[in-house]
Amino acid sequence: MSRIQASFERLKAQGRKALIPFITAGDPDAALTVPLMHALVEAGADIIELGVPFSDPMADGPTIQRASERALAKGMSMKKVLAVVAEFRKTNADTPVVLMGYANPVEAMGVDAFAVAAREAGVDGVLVVDYPPEESAEFSAAMKHCGLDPIFLLAPTSTEERIAGTAKVASGYVYYVSLKGVTGSAALDVDAVAARLPAIREQTGLPVGVGFGIRDAETAARIARIADAVVVGSRIIEEIEKSTPETACAKVKALVSGIRQGMDAA
């Protein structure tokens, strides 16, 4: 059983929902990424999505774009991201880590080589934004061969055919993009999300996480009532952006702890 599956099964038994925070590896610098990951766990994170910085992050809004730019300016690369995960694993063997990014860095390394390196570093899942599920059978097979969960996005515009196709290649969980827009958008309609989730659950038994536009404990709690996981990214990056290296971990921990408490209260 993968760490991701084990986490969801444990949470289900507890009657709780997964909190999946996102940070960008190397933002504001590589030395702070592992301490931030530990702060997320201390705050109640169940799974960590670790962004692989890329120069053209098409699905991301300005906040995460800036995070990628800062990380790339400091020399962050795919190999260094994997080194960050390996360092995190020295003191945390339990919290699943999902790499979230774009195809170019994966293709540059080679899919098979990447899968092996990710497994050796201690990665649990991979979400490549611009790998469409209907063209990703080989990618999915390569990830699963190395014990990694290939995770895919679904959107408000996804057809029944797209949902069914995604269900065939995905594992771990599926990530429902809650709105027609980029990360950090403020137009989240929880009722619209609730109306779409049944169609997804008809096609897959995988847990469904919801992200994009979740910025506070109240919204996270509302999503937790209808989804299996809540993904929070841009709001955390904003907190890092406003902090100094000395205060970032404490401020991120306080923010995420508040979101965790809101979810558990729901």
C-alpha atoms as a PDB file:
ATOM      1  CA  MET A   1       0.000   0.000   0.000  1.00  0.00           C
ATOM      2  CA  SER A   2       1.358   3.413  -0.953  1.00  0.00           C
ATOM      3  CA  ARG A   3       1.850   6.151   1.624  1.00  0.00           C
ATOM      4  CA  ILE A   4      -0.868   8.167  -0.142  1.00  0.00           C
ATOM      5  CA  GLN A   5      -3.412   5.357   0.029  1.00  0.00           C
ATOM      6  CA  ALA A   6      -2.491   4.636   3.641  1.00  0.00           C
ATOM      7  CA  SER A   7      -2.994   8.292   4.544  1.00  0.00           C
ATOM      8  CA  PHE A   8      -6.458   8.426   3.013  1.00  0.00           C
ATOM      9  CA  GLU A   9      -7.500   5.155   4.644  1.00  0.00           C
ATOM     10  CA  ARG A  10      -6.300   6.347   8.049  1.00  0.00           C
ATOM     11  CA  LEU A  11      -8.168   9.637   7.665  1.00  0.00           C
ATOM     12  CA  LYS A  12     -11.336   7.886   6.525  1.00  0.00           C
ATOM     13  CA  ALA A  13     -11.245   5.684   9.603  1.00  0.00           C
ATOM     14  CA  GLN A  14     -10.920   8.835  11.710  1.00  0.00           C
ATOM     15  CA  GLY A  15     -13.747  10.620   9.905  1.00  0.00           C
ATOM     16  CA  ARG A  16     -11.358  13.362   8.763  1.00  0.00           C
ATOM     17  CA  LYS A  17     -10.349  14.880   5.428  1.00  0.00           C
ATOM     18  CA  ALA A  18      -6.856  15.312   4.004  1.00  0.00           C
ATOM     19  CA  LEU A  19      -5.130  18.672   4.080  1.00  0.00           C
ATOM     20  CA  ILE A  20      -2.712  18.995   1.165  1.00  0.00           C
ATOM     21  CA  PRO A  21      -0.645  22.199   1.270  1.00  0.00           C
ATOM     22  CA  PHE A  22       1.511  23.268  -1.667  1.00  0.00           C
ATOM     23  CA  ILE A  23       4.843  25.065  -1.604  1.00  0.00           C
ATOM     24  CA  THR A  24       7.391  25.625  -4.358  1.00  0.00           C
ATOM     25  CA  ALA A  25      10.732  23.890  -3.860  1.00  0.00           C
ATOM     26  CA  GLY A  26      13.509  26.455  -3.564  1.00  0.00           C
ATOM     27  CA  ASP A  27      11.287  29.395  -2.646  1.00  0.00           C
ATOM     28  CA  PRO A  28      12.647  31.597  -1.201  1.00  0.00           C
ATOM     29  CA  ASP A  29      15.737  29.383  -1.234  1.00  0.00           C
ATOM     30  CA  ALA A  30      16.598  25.709  -1.105  1.00  0.00           C
ATOM     31  CA  ALA A  31      17.799  25.829   2.502  1.00  0.00           C
ATOM     32  CA  LEU A  32      14.334  26.797   3.743  1.00  0.00           C
ATOM     33  CA  THR A  33      12.303  24.212   1.822  1.00  0.00           C
ATOM     34  CA  VAL A  34      12.829  21.241   4.149  1.00  0.00           C
ATOM     35  CA  PRO A  35      12.133  23.313   7.289  1.00  0.00           C
ATOM     36  CA  LEU A  36       8.942  24.578   5.609  1.00  0.00           C
ATOM     37  CA  MET A  37       7.919  20.997   4.806  1.00  0.00           C
ATOM     38  CA  HIS A  38       8.367  20.026   8.447  1.00  0.00           C
ATOM     39  CA  ALA A  39       6.381  23.094   9.516  1.00  0.00           C
ATOM     40  CA  LEU A  40       3.537  21.989   7.249  1.00  0.00           C
ATOM     41  CA  VAL A  41       3.509  18.547   8.869  1.00  0.00           C
ATOM     42  CA  GLU A  42       3.559  20.062  12.355  1.00  0.00           C
ATOM     43  CA  ALA A  43       0.590  22.226  11.332  1.00  0.00           C
ATOM     44  CA  GLY A  44      -1.469  19.197  10.310  1.00  0.00           C
ATOM     45  CA  ALA A  45      -0.623  18.509   6.682  1.00  0.00           C
ATOM     46  CA  ASP A  46      -1.461  14.979   5.570  1.00  0.00           C
ATOM     47  CA  ILE A  47       0.213  15.128   2.151  1.00  0.00           C
ATOM     48  CA  ILE A  48       2.633  17.738   0.806  1.00  0.00           C
ATOM     49  CA  GLU A  49       2.501  18.917  -2.794  1.00  0.00           C
ATOM     50  CA  LEU A  50       5.959  20.182  -3.659  1.00  0.00           C
ATOM     51  CA  GLY A  51       6.106  22.388  -6.729  1.00  0.00           C
ATOM     52  CA  VAL A  52       8.872  21.863  -9.259  1.00  0.00           C
ATOM     53  CA  PRO A  53       9.667  25.396 -10.469  1.00  0.00           C
ATOM     54  CA  PHE A  54       9.284  25.991 -14.178  1.00  0.00           C
ATOM     55  CA  SER A  55       9.721  29.090 -16.342  1.00  0.00           C
ATOM     56  CA  ASP A  56       6.257  28.894 -17.946  1.00  0.00           C
ATOM     57  CA  PRO A  57       3.809  27.570 -15.328  1.00  0.00           C
ATOM     58  CA  MET A  58       0.675  27.946 -17.452  1.00  0.00           C
ATOM     59  CA  ALA A  59      -1.847  26.802 -14.837  1.00  0.00           C
ATOM     60  CA  ASP A  60      -0.486  29.036 -12.112  1.00  0.00           C
ATOM     61  CA  GLY A  61      -1.466  32.560 -11.232  1.00  0.00           C
ATOM     62  CA  PRO A  62       0.963  35.400 -10.448  1.00  0.00           C
ATOM     63  CA  THR A  63       1.709  34.277  -6.891  1.00  0.00           C
ATOM     64  CA  ILE A  64       3.044  30.834  -7.777  1.00  0.00           C
ATOM     65  CA  GLN A  65       4.658  32.199 -10.928  1.00  0.00           C
ATOM     66  CA  ARG A  66       6.709  34.538  -8.740  1.00  0.00           C
ATOM     67  CA  ALA A  67       7.623  31.624  -6.474  1.00  0.00           C
ATOM     68  CA  SER A  68       8.936  29.692  -9.479  1.00  0.00           C
ATOM     69  CA  GLU A  69      10.910  32.714 -10.643  1.00  0.00           C
ATOM     70  CA  ARG A  70      12.521  33.140  -7.221  1.00  0.00           C
ATOM     71  CA  ALA A  71      13.410  29.449  -7.021  1.00  0.00           C
ATOM     72  CA  LEU A  72      14.846  29.321 -10.534  1.00  0.00           C
ATOM     73  CA  ALA A  73      16.884  32.455  -9.848  1.00  0.00           C
ATOM     74  CA  LYS A  74      18.451  30.595  -6.916  1.00  0.00           C
ATOM     75  CA  GLY A  75      19.378  27.675  -9.193  1.00  0.00           C
ATOM     76  CA  MET A  76      16.635  25.193  -8.291  1.00  0.00           C
ATOM     77  CA  SER A  77      16.340  22.259 -10.710  1.00  0.00           C
ATOM     78  CA  MET A  78      14.592  18.907 -10.880  1.00  0.00           C
ATOM     79  CA  LYS A  79      17.634  17.131  -9.456  1.00  0.00           C
ATOM     80  CA  LYS A  80      17.792  19.615  -6.606  1.00  0.00           C
ATOM     81  CA  VAL A  81      14.066  19.167  -5.932  1.00  0.00           C
ATOM     82  CA  LEU A  82      14.655  15.433  -5.584  1.00  0.00           C
ATOM     83  CA  ALA A  83      17.567  16.148  -3.252  1.00  0.00           C
ATOM     84  CA  VAL A  84      15.201  18.243  -1.106  1.00  0.00           C
ATOM     85  CA  VAL A  85      12.785  15.306  -0.853  1.00  0.00           C
ATOM     86  CA  ALA A  86      15.630  12.952   0.063  1.00  0.00           C
ATOM     87  CA  GLU A  87      16.703  15.354   2.823  1.00  0.00           C
ATOM     88  CA  PHE A  88      13.123  15.549   4.130  1.00  0.00           C
ATOM     89  CA  ARG A  89      12.935  11.749   4.196  1.00  0.00           C
ATOM     90  CA  LYS A  90      15.895  11.565   6.593  1.00  0.00           C
ATOM     91  CA  THR A  91      13.591  12.734   9.382  1.00  0.00           C
ATOM     92  CA  ASN A  92      10.106  12.016   8.029  1.00  0.00           C
ATOM     93  CA  ALA A  93       9.371   8.580   6.636  1.00  0.00           C
ATOM     94  CA  ASP A  94       5.590   8.833   6.762  1.00  0.00           C
ATOM     95  CA  THR A  95       4.196  11.998   5.146  1.00  0.00           C
ATOM     96  CA  PRO A  96       3.499  11.489   1.430  1.00  0.00           C
ATOM     97  CA  VAL A  97       5.165  13.920  -0.969  1.00  0.00           C
ATOM     98  CA  VAL A  98       3.681  14.648  -4.384  1.00  0.00           C
ATOM     99  CA  LEU A  99       5.721  16.519  -6.980  1.00  0.00           C
ATOM    100  CA  MET A 100       3.588  18.967  -8.958  1.00  0.00           C
ATOM    101  CA  GLY A 101       4.923  20.603 -12.076  1.00  0.00           C
ATOM    102  CA  TYR A 102       5.183  20.576 -15.838  1.00  0.00           C
ATOM    103  CA  ALA A 103       6.329  18.180 -18.528  1.00  0.00           C
ATOM    104  CA  ASN A 104       9.522  19.909 -19.648  1.00  0.00           C
ATOM    105  CA  PRO A 105      11.697  19.099 -16.587  1.00  0.00           C
ATOM    106  CA  VAL A 106      10.438  15.503 -16.607  1.00  0.00           C
ATOM    107  CA  GLU A 107      11.093  15.098 -20.322  1.00  0.00           C
ATOM    108  CA  ALA A 108      14.536  16.662 -19.961  1.00  0.00           C
ATOM    109  CA  MET A 109      15.502  13.958 -17.478  1.00  0.00           C
ATOM    110  CA  GLY A 110      13.620  11.211 -19.322  1.00  0.00           C
ATOM    111  CA  VAL A 111      10.427   9.696 -17.959  1.00  0.00           C
ATOM    112  CA  ASP A 112      11.951   6.370 -16.903  1.00  0.00           C
ATOM    113  CA  ALA A 113      15.029   7.967 -15.342  1.00  0.00           C
ATOM    114  CA  PHE A 114      12.834  10.468 -13.544  1.00  0.00           C
ATOM    115  CA  ALA A 115      10.588   7.723 -12.148  1.00  0.00           C
ATOM    116  CA  VAL A 116      13.561   5.821 -10.749  1.00  0.00           C
ATOM    117  CA  ALA A 117      15.163   8.954  -9.280  1.00  0.00           C
ATOM    118  CA  ALA A 118      11.874  10.082  -7.743  1.00  0.00           C
ATOM    119  CA  ARG A 119      11.318   6.696  -6.124  1.00  0.00           C
ATOM    120  CA  GLU A 120      14.851   6.663  -4.725  1.00  0.00           C
ATOM    121  CA  ALA A 121      14.402  10.165  -3.301  1.00  0.00           C
ATOM    122  CA  GLY A 122      11.210   9.161  -1.491  1.00  0.00           C
ATOM    123  CA  VAL A 123       8.570  10.756  -3.718  1.00  0.00           C
ATOM    124  CA  ASP A 124       5.100   9.170  -3.541  1.00  0.00           C
ATOM    125  CA  GLY A 125       3.155  10.767  -6.386  1.00  0.00           C
ATOM    126  CA  VAL A 126       3.595  12.931  -9.456  1.00  0.00           C
ATOM    127  CA  LEU A 127       1.201  15.460 -10.955  1.00  0.00           C
ATOM    128  CA  VAL A 128       2.320  16.830 -14.331  1.00  0.00           C
ATOM    129  CA  VAL A 129      -0.092  19.594 -15.256  1.00  0.00           C
ATOM    130  CA  ASP A 130       0.400  19.404 -19.021  1.00  0.00           C
ATOM    131  CA  TYR A 131       0.270  15.621 -19.409  1.00  0.00           C
ATOM    132  CA  PRO A 132      -3.299  15.024 -20.623  1.00  0.00           C
ATOM    133  CA  PRO A 133      -4.606  11.716 -19.283  1.00  0.00           C
ATOM    134  CA  GLU A 134      -5.643  10.433 -22.709  1.00  0.00           C
ATOM    135  CA  GLU A 135      -2.011  10.679 -23.831  1.00  0.00           C
ATOM    136  CA  SER A 136      -0.423   9.478 -20.605  1.00  0.00           C
ATOM    137  CA  ALA A 137      -0.789   5.710 -20.518  1.00  0.00           C
ATOM    138  CA  GLU A 138       2.960   5.158 -20.886  1.00  0.00           C
ATOM    139  CA  PHE A 139       3.793   7.854 -18.324  1.00  0.00           C
ATOM    140  CA  SER A 140       1.279   6.395 -15.883  1.00  0.00           C
ATOM    141  CA  ALA A 141       2.672   2.891 -16.374  1.00  0.00           C
ATOM    142  CA  ALA A 142       6.232   4.117 -15.792  1.00  0.00           C
ATOM    143  CA  MET A 143       5.206   5.827 -12.551  1.00  0.00           C
ATOM    144  CA  LYS A 144       3.246   2.830 -11.279  1.00  0.00           C
ATOM    145  CA  HIS A 145       6.132   0.499 -12.173  1.00  0.00           C
ATOM    146  CA  CYS A 146       8.266   2.479  -9.732  1.00  0.00           C
ATOM    147  CA  GLY A 147       5.581   2.569  -7.055  1.00  0.00           C
ATOM    148  CA  LEU A 148       4.591   6.186  -7.698  1.00  0.00           C
ATOM    149  CA  ASP A 149       1.017   7.418  -7.963  1.00  0.00           C
ATOM    150  CA  PRO A 150       0.287   9.350 -11.186  1.00  0.00           C
ATOM    151  CA  ILE A 151      -2.176  12.089 -10.259  1.00  0.00           C
ATOM    152  CA  PHE A 152      -4.235  13.986 -12.817  1.00  0.00           C
ATOM    153  CA  LEU A 153      -6.343  17.123 -12.939  1.00  0.00           C
ATOM    154  CA  LEU A 154     -10.044  17.356 -13.674  1.00  0.00           C
ATOM    155  CA  ALA A 155     -11.833  20.641 -14.286  1.00  0.00           C
ATOM    156  CA  PRO A 156     -15.363  22.077 -14.349  1.00  0.00           C
ATOM    157  CA  THR A 157     -15.250  21.627 -18.127  1.00  0.00           C
ATOM    158  CA  SER A 158     -14.184  17.954 -18.033  1.00  0.00           C
ATOM    159  CA  THR A 159     -16.562  15.732 -19.975  1.00  0.00           C
ATOM    160  CA  GLU A 160     -17.731  12.313 -18.818  1.00  0.00           C
ATOM    161  CA  GLU A 161     -15.313  10.809 -21.351  1.00  0.00           C
ATOM    162  CA  ARG A 162     -12.400  12.798 -19.901  1.00  0.00           C
ATOM    163  CA  ILE A 163     -13.343  11.783 -16.362  1.00  0.00           C
ATOM    164  CA  ALA A 164     -13.542   8.113 -17.373  1.00  0.00           C
ATOM    165  CA  GLY A 165     -10.199   8.315 -19.185  1.00  0.00           C
ATOM    166  CA  THR A 166      -8.567   9.931 -16.174  1.00  0.00           C
ATOM    167  CA  ALA A 167      -9.907   7.231 -13.885  1.00  0.00           C
ATOM    168  CA  LYS A 168      -8.175   4.578 -15.999  1.00  0.00           C
ATOM    169  CA  VAL A 169      -4.662   6.006 -15.604  1.00  0.00           C
ATOM    170  CA  ALA A 170      -4.755   7.776 -12.227  1.00  0.00           C
ATOM    171  CA  SER A 171      -3.946   6.461  -8.794  1.00  0.00           C
ATOM    172  CA  GLY A 172      -3.511   7.983  -5.348  1.00  0.00           C
ATOM    173  CA  TYR A 173      -6.172  10.654  -5.780  1.00  0.00           C
ATOM    174  CA  VAL A 174      -7.589  12.899  -8.456  1.00  0.00           C
ATOM    175  CA  TYR A 175      -7.289  16.671  -8.236  1.00  0.00           C
ATOM    176  CA  TYR A 176     -10.402  18.629  -9.116  1.00  0.00           C
ATOM    177  CA  VAL A 177      -9.647  22.188 -10.214  1.00  0.00           C
ATOM    178  CA  SER A 178     -12.487  24.083  -8.606  1.00  0.00           C
ATOM    179  CA  LEU A 179     -12.776  26.922 -11.112  1.00  0.00           C
ATOM    180  CA  LYS A 180     -12.093  27.996 -14.665  1.00  0.00           C
ATOM    181  CA  GLY A 181      -8.918  29.902 -14.029  1.00  0.00           C
ATOM    182  CA  VAL A 182      -5.412  29.769 -12.627  1.00  0.00           C
ATOM    183  CA  THR A 183      -4.178  29.111  -9.108  1.00  0.00           C
ATOM    184  CA  GLY A 184      -4.964  31.841  -6.625  1.00  0.00           C
ATOM    185  CA  SER A 185      -8.178  32.969  -8.283  1.00  0.00           C
ATOM    186  CA  ALA A 186     -10.834  34.271  -5.930  1.00  0.00           C
ATOM    187  CA  ALA A 187     -13.988  33.109  -7.699  1.00  0.00           C
ATOM    188  CA  LEU A 188     -14.520  29.777  -5.936  1.00  0.00           C
ATOM    189  CA  ASP A 189     -18.144  28.583  -5.959  1.00  0.00           C
ATOM    190  CA  VAL A 190     -18.455  25.790  -3.402  1.00  0.00           C
ATOM    191  CA  ASP A 191     -21.979  24.894  -4.518  1.00  0.00           C
ATOM    192  CA  ALA A 192     -20.758  24.454  -8.092  1.00  0.00           C
ATOM    193  CA  VAL A 193     -17.979  22.170  -6.853  1.00  0.00           C
ATOM    194  CA  ALA A 194     -20.482  20.107  -4.869  1.00  0.00           C
ATOM    195  CA  ALA A 195     -22.623  19.707  -7.964  1.00  0.00           C
ATOM    196  CA  ARG A 196     -19.705  18.331 -10.009  1.00  0.00           C
ATOM    197  CA  LEU A 197     -18.213  15.835  -7.576  1.00  0.00           C
ATOM    198  CA  PRO A 198     -20.894  13.132  -7.944  1.00  0.00           C
ATOM    199  CA  ALA A 199     -20.089  12.757 -11.648  1.00  0.00           C
ATOM    200  CA  ILE A 200     -16.433  12.209 -10.780  1.00  0.00           C
ATOM    201  CA  ARG A 201     -17.228   9.694  -8.054  1.00  0.00           C
ATOM    202  CA  GLU A 202     -19.379   7.707 -10.464  1.00  0.00           C
ATOM    203  CA  GLN A 203     -16.248   7.052 -12.535  1.00  0.00           C
ATOM    204  CA  THR A 204     -13.594   6.457  -9.876  1.00  0.00           C
ATOM    205  CA  GLY A 205     -13.245   5.181  -6.357  1.00  0.00           C
ATOM    206  CA  LEU A 206     -10.125   7.280  -5.819  1.00  0.00           C
ATOM    207  CA  PRO A 207     -10.253  10.099  -3.275  1.00  0.00           C
ATOM    208  CA  VAL A 208     -11.064  13.480  -4.781  1.00  0.00           C
ATOM    209  CA  GLY A 209      -9.038  16.510  -3.728  1.00  0.00           C
ATOM    210  CA  VAL A 210     -10.193  20.042  -4.520  1.00  0.00           C
ATOM    211  CA  GLY A 211      -7.880  22.985  -5.062  1.00  0.00           C
ATOM    212  CA  PHE A 212      -7.494  26.419  -6.713  1.00  0.00           C
ATOM    213  CA  GLY A 213      -9.091  29.352  -4.910  1.00  0.00           C
ATOM    214  CA  ILE A 214      -9.104  28.010  -1.329  1.00  0.00           C
ATOM    215  CA  ARG A 215      -7.704  30.808   0.777  1.00  0.00           C
ATOM    216  CA  ASP A 216      -9.009  30.513   4.339  1.00  0.00           C
ATOM    217  CA  ALA A 217     -10.242  28.147   7.023  1.00  0.00           C
ATOM    218  CA  GLU A 218     -13.903  28.838   6.317  1.00  0.00           C
ATOM    219  CA  THR A 219     -13.659  27.907   2.643  1.00  0.00           C
ATOM    220  CA  ALA A 220     -11.461  24.909   3.450  1.00  0.00           C
ATOM    221  CA  ALA A 221     -14.092  23.704   5.922  1.00  0.00           C
ATOM    222  CA  ARG A 222     -16.858  24.005   3.335  1.00  0.00           C
ATOM    223  CA  ILE A 223     -14.802  22.038   0.804  1.00  0.00           C
ATOM    224  CA  ALA A 224     -13.910  19.428   3.447  1.00  0.00           C
ATOM    225  CA  ARG A 225     -17.612  18.675   3.877  1.00  0.00           C
ATOM    226  CA  ILE A 226     -17.930  17.576   0.248  1.00  0.00           C
ATOM    227  CA  ALA A 227     -14.448  16.426  -0.867  1.00  0.00           C
ATOM    228  CA  ASP A 228     -11.862  13.962   0.401  1.00  0.00           C
ATOM    229  CA  ALA A 229      -9.011  16.465   0.435  1.00  0.00           C
ATOM    230  CA  VAL A 230      -8.417  20.204   0.421  1.00  0.00           C
ATOM    231  CA  VAL A 231      -5.451  21.626  -1.500  1.00  0.00           C
ATOM    232  CA  VAL A 232      -4.114  25.054  -0.521  1.00  0.00           C
ATOM    233  CA  GLY A 233      -1.264  26.687  -2.432  1.00  0.00           C
ATOM    234  CA  SER A 234      -1.248  30.362  -3.373  1.00  0.00           C
ATOM    235  CA  ARG A 235      -2.313  31.555   0.069  1.00  0.00           C
ATOM    236  CA  ILE A 236       0.658  29.749   1.626  1.00  0.00           C
ATOM    237  CA  ILE A 237       3.043  31.168  -0.971  1.00  0.00           C
ATOM    238  CA  GLU A 238       1.718  34.654  -0.173  1.00  0.00           C
ATOM    239  CA  GLU A 239       2.595  34.089   3.491  1.00  0.00           C
ATOM    240  CA  ILE A 240       6.120  33.033   2.525  1.00  0.00           C
ATOM    241  CA  GLU A 241       6.396  36.048   0.250  1.00  0.00           C
ATOM    242  CA  LYS A 242       5.477  38.433   3.077  1.00  0.00           C
ATOM    243  CA  SER A 243       7.825  36.769   5.566  1.00  0.00           C
ATOM    244  CA  THR A 244      11.531  36.886   6.208  1.00  0.00           C
ATOM    245  CA  PRO A 245      13.525  33.638   6.111  1.00  0.00           C
ATOM    246  CA  GLU A 246      13.577  33.787   9.910  1.00  0.00           C
ATOM    247  CA  THR A 247       9.792  34.095  10.296  1.00  0.00           C
ATOM    248  CA  ALA A 248       8.504  32.094   7.305  1.00  0.00           C
ATOM    249  CA  CYS A 249       8.176  28.709   9.016  1.00  0.00           C
ATOM    250  CA  ALA A 250       6.306  30.096  12.018  1.00  0.00           C
ATOM    251  CA  LYS A 251       3.920  32.135   9.880  1.00  0.00           C
ATOM    252  CA  VAL A 252       3.217  29.258   7.507  1.00  0.00           C
ATOM    253  CA  LYS A 253       2.658  26.920  10.449  1.00  0.00           C
ATOM    254  CA  ALA A 254       0.171  29.343  12.009  1.00  0.00           C
ATOM    255  CA  LEU A 255      -1.738  29.763   8.747  1.00  0.00           C
ATOM    256  CA  VAL A 256      -1.950  26.044   7.990  1.00  0.00           C
ATOM    257  CA  SER A 257      -2.831  25.177  11.587  1.00  0.00           C
ATOM    258  CA  GLY A 258      -5.825  27.512  11.327  1.00  0.00           C
ATOM    259  CA  ILE A 259      -6.951  25.827   8.126  1.00  0.00           C
ATOM    260  CA  ARG A 260      -6.531  22.394   9.744  1.00  0.00           C
ATOM    261  CA  GLN A 261      -8.621  23.444  12.718  1.00  0.00           C
ATOM    262  CA  GLY A 262     -11.352  24.766  10.441  1.00  0.00           C
ATOM    263  CA  MET A 263     -11.450  21.514   8.495  1.00  0.00           C
ATOM    264  CA  ASP A 264     -11.581  19.376  11.617  1.00  0.00           C
ATOM    265  CA  ALA A 265     -14.363  21.487  13.066  1.00  0.00           C
ATOM    266  CA  ALA A 266     -16.384  20.804   9.909  1.00  0.00           C
END
